[in-house]
Amino acid sequence: MTDNNDYVSSEPLIEIRDLYFSRGSNQIFKGLSLDIRRGQVTGFMGPSGTGKTTLLKLIGGQLKPLDGKVYIQGQNVNAISRSSLFELRKRMGMLFQSGALLTDLNVFENVAFPLREHTKLPEQIIRDLVLIKLEAVGLRGARKLMPSQLSGGMARRVALARAIVLDPMMIMYDEPFAGLDPITKGTIVTLIKQLNNVLGLTSIIVSHDVEETLSIADYIYVISDGEIIESGTPVSLRKSSSEWVQQFLNGYPDGPAPFHYPAHEYIEDLLVGR
């Protein structure tokens, strides 16, 4: 296996600067700035509703920020032409939480779909590429199965084969471990790390699964209330003195993120109407 250090660069692949984004009156990001290094597995963690999936959509140009910039390889995603954005997206793989397989196509055709849409390769080359990618995720023998015949973990692995079939420079994973049994989680963790190393990818993972993310990521950003609470390597985050980070990593029910939603005094509420 190729050592990922061969691909890791001190230069960022993605630069996010002073990013602001809102949905209605709900401010999601408040001047967010961060870098994603080439060749690394970068994780984003934080409570539900903090905008982690929204951040992936901003990186992919599906959403536009109210203010701030998102640069990929020095290109401002929101300033380039529509055609240039489409070309850039071809170099981005995406693994959705649901897998998002096309239900009327078998495994082979699901993986072949991006090749048929975006290339003019001859059928024999398409066949070889699809089988190579399915072999990489351990499902070459399942190529004739329909999505309805797959387990949740198998569907996630087929979706991963599809995400890498165009040999992208980066892959974004939206909750890749959600709903999986421990064995399948371990399989997906191993695949993400191996593919990142062997293919020289840059991987971005959004996840609530603390142990899996800590085991696989080179660098992690912990996000809450529109801002970065803390960032660092898994080792440094485990040693963090931040009560908020420790609450999140250890799953404490109460702390800086309170158990109780803000309300009037309990006794006062009980006495109302008496």
C-alpha atoms as a PDB file:
ATOM      1  CA  MET A   1       0.000   0.000   0.000  1.00  0.00           C
ATOM      2  CA  THR A   2       1.228   3.493  -0.818  1.00  0.00           C
ATOM      3  CA  ASP A   3       1.925   5.638   2.231  1.00  0.00           C
ATOM      4  CA  ASN A   4      -0.445   8.598   2.375  1.00  0.00           C
ATOM      5  CA  ASN A   5       2.503  10.845   3.293  1.00  0.00           C
ATOM      6  CA  ASP A   6       3.467  10.628  -0.378  1.00  0.00           C
ATOM      7  CA  TYR A   7       0.360  12.677  -1.184  1.00  0.00           C
ATOM      8  CA  VAL A   8      -0.088  14.961   1.835  1.00  0.00           C
ATOM      9  CA  SER A   9       0.885  18.533   0.995  1.00  0.00           C
ATOM     10  CA  SER A  10       1.403  21.593   3.146  1.00  0.00           C
ATOM     11  CA  GLU A  11      -0.663  23.424   0.533  1.00  0.00           C
ATOM     12  CA  PRO A  12      -4.433  23.370   1.116  1.00  0.00           C
ATOM     13  CA  LEU A  13      -6.697  21.930  -1.561  1.00  0.00           C
ATOM     14  CA  ILE A  14      -9.661  23.857  -0.122  1.00  0.00           C
ATOM     15  CA  GLU A  15      -9.570  27.254   1.556  1.00  0.00           C
ATOM     16  CA  ILE A  16     -12.649  28.704   3.262  1.00  0.00           C
ATOM     17  CA  ARG A  17     -12.442  32.338   4.275  1.00  0.00           C
ATOM     18  CA  ASP A  18     -14.857  34.404   6.414  1.00  0.00           C
ATOM     19  CA  LEU A  19     -17.858  32.299   5.399  1.00  0.00           C
ATOM     20  CA  TYR A  20     -21.337  33.501   6.336  1.00  0.00           C
ATOM     21  CA  PHE A  21     -24.495  31.556   5.561  1.00  0.00           C
ATOM     22  CA  SER A  22     -28.069  31.724   6.839  1.00  0.00           C
ATOM     23  CA  ARG A  23     -31.369  29.966   6.325  1.00  0.00           C
ATOM     24  CA  GLY A  24     -34.024  32.566   6.984  1.00  0.00           C
ATOM     25  CA  SER A  25     -33.320  34.069  10.382  1.00  0.00           C
ATOM     26  CA  ASN A  26     -31.150  31.108  11.381  1.00  0.00           C
ATOM     27  CA  GLN A  27     -27.473  32.009  10.995  1.00  0.00           C
ATOM     28  CA  ILE A  28     -25.571  28.798  10.184  1.00  0.00           C
ATOM     29  CA  PHE A  29     -22.016  30.130   9.773  1.00  0.00           C
ATOM     30  CA  LYS A  30     -20.569  33.276  11.313  1.00  0.00           C
ATOM     31  CA  GLY A  31     -17.292  34.046   9.568  1.00  0.00           C
ATOM     32  CA  LEU A  32     -16.022  30.463   9.297  1.00  0.00           C
ATOM     33  CA  SER A  33     -12.413  30.078   8.081  1.00  0.00           C
ATOM     34  CA  LEU A  34     -10.486  26.821   7.637  1.00  0.00           C
ATOM     35  CA  ASP A  35      -8.140  24.883   5.347  1.00  0.00           C
ATOM     36  CA  ILE A  36      -8.396  21.307   4.056  1.00  0.00           C
ATOM     37  CA  ARG A  37      -4.984  19.869   3.197  1.00  0.00           C
ATOM     38  CA  ARG A  38      -4.278  17.772   0.132  1.00  0.00           C
ATOM     39  CA  GLY A  39      -4.026  14.062   0.808  1.00  0.00           C
ATOM     40  CA  GLN A  40      -5.528  14.205   4.289  1.00  0.00           C
ATOM     41  CA  VAL A  41      -8.715  12.780   5.755  1.00  0.00           C
ATOM     42  CA  THR A  42     -10.389  15.799   7.349  1.00  0.00           C
ATOM     43  CA  GLY A  43     -13.333  15.344   9.703  1.00  0.00           C
ATOM     44  CA  PHE A  44     -16.127  17.718  10.666  1.00  0.00           C
ATOM     45  CA  MET A  45     -17.942  16.906  13.890  1.00  0.00           C
ATOM     46  CA  GLY A  46     -20.491  18.685  16.017  1.00  0.00           C
ATOM     47  CA  PRO A  47     -24.105  18.492  17.191  1.00  0.00           C
ATOM     48  CA  SER A  48     -26.999  18.057  14.768  1.00  0.00           C
ATOM     49  CA  GLY A  49     -28.088  21.252  13.058  1.00  0.00           C
ATOM     50  CA  THR A  50     -24.682  22.928  13.115  1.00  0.00           C
ATOM     51  CA  GLY A  51     -24.405  23.027   9.310  1.00  0.00           C
ATOM     52  CA  LYS A  52     -21.904  20.252   8.609  1.00  0.00           C
ATOM     53  CA  THR A  53     -23.800  18.911   5.587  1.00  0.00           C
ATOM     54  CA  THR A  54     -24.501  22.501   4.525  1.00  0.00           C
ATOM     55  CA  LEU A  55     -20.740  23.064   4.498  1.00  0.00           C
ATOM     56  CA  LEU A  56     -20.317  20.188   2.014  1.00  0.00           C
ATOM     57  CA  LYS A  57     -22.925  21.815  -0.249  1.00  0.00           C
ATOM     58  CA  LEU A  58     -21.106  25.143  -0.044  1.00  0.00           C
ATOM     59  CA  ILE A  59     -17.834  23.442  -0.986  1.00  0.00           C
ATOM     60  CA  GLY A  60     -19.536  21.753  -3.945  1.00  0.00           C
ATOM     61  CA  GLY A  61     -21.137  24.983  -5.126  1.00  0.00           C
ATOM     62  CA  GLN A  62     -24.698  23.727  -4.585  1.00  0.00           C
ATOM     63  CA  LEU A  63     -25.259  26.620  -2.187  1.00  0.00           C
ATOM     64  CA  LYS A  64     -23.873  30.147  -2.244  1.00  0.00           C
ATOM     65  CA  PRO A  65     -22.669  31.927   0.889  1.00  0.00           C
ATOM     66  CA  LEU A  66     -24.052  35.279   1.946  1.00  0.00           C
ATOM     67  CA  ASP A  67     -20.460  36.425   2.266  1.00  0.00           C
ATOM     68  CA  GLY A  68     -16.989  34.934   2.224  1.00  0.00           C
ATOM     69  CA  LYS A  69     -15.148  32.699  -0.222  1.00  0.00           C
ATOM     70  CA  VAL A  70     -14.656  29.011  -0.932  1.00  0.00           C
ATOM     71  CA  TYR A  71     -11.524  28.247  -2.946  1.00  0.00           C
ATOM     72  CA  ILE A  72     -10.721  24.855  -4.483  1.00  0.00           C
ATOM     73  CA  GLN A  73      -7.295  24.655  -6.103  1.00  0.00           C
ATOM     74  CA  GLY A  74      -7.258  28.457  -5.999  1.00  0.00           C
ATOM     75  CA  GLN A  75     -10.597  28.781  -7.837  1.00  0.00           C
ATOM     76  CA  ASN A  76     -13.389  30.727  -6.168  1.00  0.00           C
ATOM     77  CA  VAL A  77     -16.251  28.230  -6.441  1.00  0.00           C
ATOM     78  CA  ASN A  78     -18.897  30.958  -6.527  1.00  0.00           C
ATOM     79  CA  ALA A  79     -17.128  33.172  -9.063  1.00  0.00           C
ATOM     80  CA  ILE A  80     -16.339  30.664 -11.823  1.00  0.00           C
ATOM     81  CA  SER A  81     -18.638  30.029 -14.776  1.00  0.00           C
ATOM     82  CA  ARG A  82     -21.345  27.375 -14.661  1.00  0.00           C
ATOM     83  CA  SER A  83     -19.447  25.181 -17.126  1.00  0.00           C
ATOM     84  CA  SER A  84     -16.233  25.492 -15.087  1.00  0.00           C
ATOM     85  CA  LEU A  85     -18.151  24.550 -11.934  1.00  0.00           C
ATOM     86  CA  PHE A  86     -19.519  21.431 -13.646  1.00  0.00           C
ATOM     87  CA  GLU A  87     -16.002  20.471 -14.721  1.00  0.00           C
ATOM     88  CA  LEU A  88     -14.764  20.994 -11.173  1.00  0.00           C
ATOM     89  CA  ARG A  89     -17.570  18.834  -9.784  1.00  0.00           C
ATOM     90  CA  LYS A  90     -16.464  15.936 -11.982  1.00  0.00           C
ATOM     91  CA  ARG A  91     -13.336  15.865  -9.835  1.00  0.00           C
ATOM     92  CA  MET A  92     -15.367  15.657  -6.628  1.00  0.00           C
ATOM     93  CA  GLY A  93     -16.795  12.355  -5.457  1.00  0.00           C
ATOM     94  CA  MET A  94     -19.742  12.347  -3.047  1.00  0.00           C
ATOM     95  CA  LEU A  95     -20.976   9.559  -0.792  1.00  0.00           C
ATOM     96  CA  PHE A  96     -24.458  10.314   0.471  1.00  0.00           C
ATOM     97  CA  GLN A  97     -25.756   8.908   3.749  1.00  0.00           C
ATOM     98  CA  SER A  98     -28.461   6.935   1.923  1.00  0.00           C
ATOM     99  CA  GLY A  99     -26.105   5.766  -0.836  1.00  0.00           C
ATOM    100  CA  ALA A 100     -28.499   7.357  -3.363  1.00  0.00           C
ATOM    101  CA  LEU A 101     -28.279   4.421  -5.775  1.00  0.00           C
ATOM    102  CA  LEU A 102     -30.520   4.453  -8.842  1.00  0.00           C
ATOM    103  CA  THR A 103     -33.117   1.839  -7.967  1.00  0.00           C
ATOM    104  CA  ASP A 104     -33.859   0.752 -11.559  1.00  0.00           C
ATOM    105  CA  LEU A 105     -30.213  -0.003 -12.371  1.00  0.00           C
ATOM    106  CA  ASN A 106     -28.158  -2.941 -11.140  1.00  0.00           C
ATOM    107  CA  VAL A 107     -24.874  -2.545  -9.265  1.00  0.00           C
ATOM    108  CA  PHE A 108     -22.741  -2.553 -12.415  1.00  0.00           C
ATOM    109  CA  GLU A 109     -24.853   0.092 -14.153  1.00  0.00           C
ATOM    110  CA  ASN A 110     -24.972   2.295 -11.039  1.00  0.00           C
ATOM    111  CA  VAL A 111     -21.182   2.426 -10.962  1.00  0.00           C
ATOM    112  CA  ALA A 112     -20.971   2.829 -14.741  1.00  0.00           C
ATOM    113  CA  PHE A 113     -23.462   5.710 -14.764  1.00  0.00           C
ATOM    114  CA  PRO A 114     -20.940   8.579 -14.240  1.00  0.00           C
ATOM    115  CA  LEU A 115     -18.692   7.141 -16.960  1.00  0.00           C
ATOM    116  CA  ARG A 116     -21.568   7.000 -19.434  1.00  0.00           C
ATOM    117  CA  GLU A 117     -22.693  10.519 -18.528  1.00  0.00           C
ATOM    118  CA  HIS A 118     -19.337  12.287 -18.536  1.00  0.00           C
ATOM    119  CA  THR A 119     -17.054  10.346 -20.888  1.00  0.00           C
ATOM    120  CA  LYS A 120     -17.067   8.817 -24.341  1.00  0.00           C
ATOM    121  CA  LEU A 121     -15.041   5.780 -23.375  1.00  0.00           C
ATOM    122  CA  PRO A 122     -15.600   2.540 -25.292  1.00  0.00           C
ATOM    123  CA  GLU A 123     -17.722  -0.094 -23.594  1.00  0.00           C
ATOM    124  CA  GLN A 124     -14.813  -2.424 -22.888  1.00  0.00           C
ATOM    125  CA  ILE A 125     -12.932   0.309 -21.012  1.00  0.00           C
ATOM    126  CA  ILE A 126     -16.074   1.184 -19.042  1.00  0.00           C
ATOM    127  CA  ARG A 127     -16.494  -2.491 -18.132  1.00  0.00           C
ATOM    128  CA  ASP A 128     -12.889  -2.770 -16.961  1.00  0.00           C
ATOM    129  CA  LEU A 129     -13.055   0.434 -14.895  1.00  0.00           C
ATOM    130  CA  VAL A 130     -16.307  -0.587 -13.203  1.00  0.00           C
ATOM    131  CA  LEU A 131     -14.957  -4.025 -12.303  1.00  0.00           C
ATOM    132  CA  ILE A 132     -11.742  -2.472 -10.951  1.00  0.00           C
ATOM    133  CA  LYS A 133     -13.712  -0.116  -8.682  1.00  0.00           C
ATOM    134  CA  LEU A 134     -16.088  -2.857  -7.537  1.00  0.00           C
ATOM    135  CA  GLU A 135     -13.101  -5.065  -6.745  1.00  0.00           C
ATOM    136  CA  ALA A 136     -11.654  -2.223  -4.661  1.00  0.00           C
ATOM    137  CA  VAL A 137     -14.754  -2.223  -2.429  1.00  0.00           C
ATOM    138  CA  GLY A 138     -15.068  -6.018  -2.401  1.00  0.00           C
ATOM    139  CA  LEU A 139     -18.264  -6.259  -4.460  1.00  0.00           C
ATOM    140  CA  ARG A 140     -17.185  -7.366  -7.929  1.00  0.00           C
ATOM    141  CA  GLY A 141     -19.259 -10.520  -7.428  1.00  0.00           C
ATOM    142  CA  ALA A 142     -22.392  -8.462  -6.716  1.00  0.00           C
ATOM    143  CA  ARG A 143     -22.381  -6.572  -9.997  1.00  0.00           C
ATOM    144  CA  LYS A 144     -25.646  -8.094 -11.268  1.00  0.00           C
ATOM    145  CA  LEU A 145     -27.633  -7.453  -8.086  1.00  0.00           C
ATOM    146  CA  MET A 146     -30.283  -4.746  -7.864  1.00  0.00           C
ATOM    147  CA  PRO A 147     -30.166  -2.120  -5.079  1.00  0.00           C
ATOM    148  CA  SER A 148     -33.184  -3.764  -3.418  1.00  0.00           C
ATOM    149  CA  GLN A 149     -31.090  -6.917  -2.974  1.00  0.00           C
ATOM    150  CA  LEU A 150     -28.290  -5.145  -1.112  1.00  0.00           C
ATOM    151  CA  SER A 151     -27.810  -4.665   2.608  1.00  0.00           C
ATOM    152  CA  GLY A 152     -27.275  -1.123   3.868  1.00  0.00           C
ATOM    153  CA  GLY A 153     -23.535  -1.668   4.087  1.00  0.00           C
ATOM    154  CA  MET A 154     -23.312  -3.151   0.597  1.00  0.00           C
ATOM    155  CA  ALA A 155     -25.278  -0.215  -0.825  1.00  0.00           C
ATOM    156  CA  ARG A 156     -22.860   2.195   0.859  1.00  0.00           C
ATOM    157  CA  ARG A 157     -19.899   0.331  -0.682  1.00  0.00           C
ATOM    158  CA  VAL A 158     -21.452   0.375  -4.166  1.00  0.00           C
ATOM    159  CA  ALA A 159     -22.012   4.113  -3.767  1.00  0.00           C
ATOM    160  CA  LEU A 160     -18.344   4.445  -2.797  1.00  0.00           C
ATOM    161  CA  ALA A 161     -17.284   2.574  -5.953  1.00  0.00           C
ATOM    162  CA  ARG A 162     -19.434   4.979  -7.981  1.00  0.00           C
ATOM    163  CA  ALA A 163     -17.901   7.980  -6.166  1.00  0.00           C
ATOM    164  CA  ILE A 164     -14.366   6.963  -7.197  1.00  0.00           C
ATOM    165  CA  VAL A 165     -15.083   5.696 -10.723  1.00  0.00           C
ATOM    166  CA  LEU A 166     -14.070   9.011 -12.345  1.00  0.00           C
ATOM    167  CA  ASP A 167     -10.834   9.085 -10.301  1.00  0.00           C
ATOM    168  CA  PRO A 168     -11.694  12.299  -8.420  1.00  0.00           C
ATOM    169  CA  MET A 169      -9.191  14.420  -6.535  1.00  0.00           C
ATOM    170  CA  MET A 170     -11.437  14.496  -3.464  1.00  0.00           C
ATOM    171  CA  ILE A 171     -14.399  12.700  -1.898  1.00  0.00           C
ATOM    172  CA  MET A 172     -16.953  14.126   0.507  1.00  0.00           C
ATOM    173  CA  TYR A 173     -18.647  11.683   2.883  1.00  0.00           C
ATOM    174  CA  ASP A 174     -21.953  12.671   4.488  1.00  0.00           C
ATOM    175  CA  GLU A 175     -22.494  10.491   7.590  1.00  0.00           C
ATOM    176  CA  PRO A 176     -20.837   7.409   6.036  1.00  0.00           C
ATOM    177  CA  PHE A 177     -21.245   5.304   9.199  1.00  0.00           C
ATOM    178  CA  ALA A 178     -24.882   6.082  10.001  1.00  0.00           C
ATOM    179  CA  GLY A 179     -27.136   3.054  10.496  1.00  0.00           C
ATOM    180  CA  LEU A 180     -24.397   0.461  10.017  1.00  0.00           C
ATOM    181  CA  ASP A 181     -23.600  -2.507  12.253  1.00  0.00           C
ATOM    182  CA  PRO A 182     -20.151  -2.581  13.921  1.00  0.00           C
ATOM    183  CA  ILE A 183     -18.608  -4.979  11.361  1.00  0.00           C
ATOM    184  CA  THR A 184     -19.820  -2.913   8.414  1.00  0.00           C
ATOM    185  CA  LYS A 185     -18.664   0.297  10.110  1.00  0.00           C
ATOM    186  CA  GLY A 186     -15.216  -1.218  10.412  1.00  0.00           C
ATOM    187  CA  THR A 187     -15.290  -2.169   6.730  1.00  0.00           C
ATOM    188  CA  ILE A 188     -16.235   1.363   5.656  1.00  0.00           C
ATOM    189  CA  VAL A 189     -13.559   2.903   7.912  1.00  0.00           C
ATOM    190  CA  THR A 190     -10.933   0.625   6.378  1.00  0.00           C
ATOM    191  CA  LEU A 191     -12.090   1.357   2.823  1.00  0.00           C
ATOM    192  CA  ILE A 192     -12.067   5.130   3.305  1.00  0.00           C
ATOM    193  CA  LYS A 193      -8.540   5.091   4.696  1.00  0.00           C
ATOM    194  CA  GLN A 194      -7.176   2.625   2.138  1.00  0.00           C
ATOM    195  CA  LEU A 195      -8.710   4.415  -0.842  1.00  0.00           C
ATOM    196  CA  ASN A 196      -7.483   7.771   0.419  1.00  0.00           C
ATOM    197  CA  ASN A 197      -3.952   6.383   0.701  1.00  0.00           C
ATOM    198  CA  VAL A 198      -3.774   4.289  -2.460  1.00  0.00           C
ATOM    199  CA  LEU A 199      -5.532   6.772  -4.776  1.00  0.00           C
ATOM    200  CA  GLY A 200      -3.953   9.887  -3.288  1.00  0.00           C
ATOM    201  CA  LEU A 201      -7.349  11.396  -2.489  1.00  0.00           C
ATOM    202  CA  THR A 202      -8.363  14.215  -0.209  1.00  0.00           C
ATOM    203  CA  SER A 203     -11.288  13.072   1.937  1.00  0.00           C
ATOM    204  CA  ILE A 204     -13.809  15.117   3.921  1.00  0.00           C
ATOM    205  CA  ILE A 205     -15.982  13.313   6.459  1.00  0.00           C
ATOM    206  CA  VAL A 206     -19.074  14.692   8.174  1.00  0.00           C
ATOM    207  CA  SER A 207     -20.050  12.375  11.006  1.00  0.00           C
ATOM    208  CA  HIS A 208     -21.552  12.048  14.484  1.00  0.00           C
ATOM    209  CA  ASP A 209     -19.675   8.792  15.034  1.00  0.00           C
ATOM    210  CA  VAL A 210     -16.909   9.937  17.326  1.00  0.00           C
ATOM    211  CA  GLU A 211     -14.770   6.809  17.596  1.00  0.00           C
ATOM    212  CA  GLU A 212     -14.868   6.013  13.880  1.00  0.00           C
ATOM    213  CA  THR A 213     -14.006   9.584  12.904  1.00  0.00           C
ATOM    214  CA  LEU A 214     -11.205   9.843  15.443  1.00  0.00           C
ATOM    215  CA  SER A 215      -9.755   6.552  14.190  1.00  0.00           C
ATOM    216  CA  ILE A 216      -9.622   7.606  10.558  1.00  0.00           C
ATOM    217  CA  ALA A 217      -9.144  11.397  10.377  1.00  0.00           C
ATOM    218  CA  ASP A 218      -5.792  13.139  10.157  1.00  0.00           C
ATOM    219  CA  TYR A 219      -7.316  16.436  11.278  1.00  0.00           C
ATOM    220  CA  ILE A 220     -10.711  17.341  12.745  1.00  0.00           C
ATOM    221  CA  TYR A 221     -12.771  20.518  13.069  1.00  0.00           C
ATOM    222  CA  VAL A 222     -15.392  20.596  15.835  1.00  0.00           C
ATOM    223  CA  ILE A 223     -18.156  23.018  14.868  1.00  0.00           C
ATOM    224  CA  SER A 224     -21.002  24.490  16.911  1.00  0.00           C
ATOM    225  CA  ASP A 225     -23.132  27.606  16.740  1.00  0.00           C
ATOM    226  CA  GLY A 226     -21.642  28.642  13.401  1.00  0.00           C
ATOM    227  CA  GLU A 227     -18.045  28.626  14.568  1.00  0.00           C
ATOM    228  CA  ILE A 228     -15.066  26.319  15.040  1.00  0.00           C
ATOM    229  CA  ILE A 229     -14.972  25.374  18.725  1.00  0.00           C
ATOM    230  CA  GLU A 230     -11.643  23.592  18.365  1.00  0.00           C
ATOM    231  CA  SER A 231      -9.549  21.844  15.743  1.00  0.00           C
ATOM    232  CA  GLY A 232      -6.591  19.504  15.739  1.00  0.00           C
ATOM    233  CA  THR A 233      -5.450  15.921  15.404  1.00  0.00           C
ATOM    234  CA  PRO A 234      -7.483  13.170  17.082  1.00  0.00           C
ATOM    235  CA  VAL A 235      -4.796  12.880  19.774  1.00  0.00           C
ATOM    236  CA  SER A 236      -4.867  16.610  20.583  1.00  0.00           C
ATOM    237  CA  LEU A 237      -8.690  16.698  20.690  1.00  0.00           C
ATOM    238  CA  ARG A 238      -8.822  13.805  23.153  1.00  0.00           C
ATOM    239  CA  LYS A 239      -6.516  15.835  25.421  1.00  0.00           C
ATOM    240  CA  SER A 240      -8.471  19.076  24.939  1.00  0.00           C
ATOM    241  CA  SER A 241      -9.164  21.193  28.017  1.00  0.00           C
ATOM    242  CA  SER A 242     -12.390  22.456  26.433  1.00  0.00           C
ATOM    243  CA  GLU A 243     -15.437  21.316  28.425  1.00  0.00           C
ATOM    244  CA  TRP A 244     -17.520  21.555  25.256  1.00  0.00           C
ATOM    245  CA  VAL A 245     -15.176  19.281  23.272  1.00  0.00           C
ATOM    246  CA  GLN A 246     -15.009  16.762  26.113  1.00  0.00           C
ATOM    247  CA  GLN A 247     -18.803  16.771  26.412  1.00  0.00           C
ATOM    248  CA  PHE A 248     -19.168  16.051  22.711  1.00  0.00           C
ATOM    249  CA  LEU A 249     -16.451  13.398  22.467  1.00  0.00           C
ATOM    250  CA  ASN A 250     -17.666  11.556  25.569  1.00  0.00           C
ATOM    251  CA  GLY A 251     -21.395  12.010  25.052  1.00  0.00           C
ATOM    252  CA  TYR A 252     -22.092  13.692  28.385  1.00  0.00           C
ATOM    253  CA  PRO A 253     -25.825  14.602  28.549  1.00  0.00           C
ATOM    254  CA  ASP A 254     -25.269  17.965  30.222  1.00  0.00           C
ATOM    255  CA  GLY A 255     -22.563  20.597  30.082  1.00  0.00           C
ATOM    256  CA  PRO A 256     -21.840  23.617  27.866  1.00  0.00           C
ATOM    257  CA  ALA A 257     -24.467  22.122  25.543  1.00  0.00           C
ATOM    258  CA  PRO A 258     -27.304  22.031  28.133  1.00  0.00           C
ATOM    259  CA  PHE A 259     -29.758  19.183  28.605  1.00  0.00           C
ATOM    260  CA  HIS A 260     -32.655  21.589  29.180  1.00  0.00           C
ATOM    261  CA  TYR A 261     -33.978  23.872  26.445  1.00  0.00           C
ATOM    262  CA  PRO A 262     -34.247  27.465  27.768  1.00  0.00           C
ATOM    263  CA  ALA A 263     -37.513  27.927  29.679  1.00  0.00           C
ATOM    264  CA  HIS A 264     -39.127  29.773  32.550  1.00  0.00           C
ATOM    265  CA  GLU A 265     -38.442  28.590  36.080  1.00  0.00           C
ATOM    266  CA  TYR A 266     -39.936  25.116  36.587  1.00  0.00           C
ATOM    267  CA  ILE A 267     -42.007  26.003  39.651  1.00  0.00           C
ATOM    268  CA  GLU A 268     -43.252  29.166  37.945  1.00  0.00           C
ATOM    269  CA  ASP A 269     -44.455  27.120  34.954  1.00  0.00           C
ATOM    270  CA  LEU A 270     -46.195  24.583  37.219  1.00  0.00           C
ATOM    271  CA  LEU A 271     -48.036  27.302  39.098  1.00  0.00           C
ATOM    272  CA  VAL A 272     -49.309  29.091  35.959  1.00  0.00           C
ATOM    273  CA  GLY A 273     -53.049  28.710  35.630  1.00  0.00           C
ATOM    274  CA  ARG A 274     -53.653  27.532  39.207  1.00  0.00           C
END
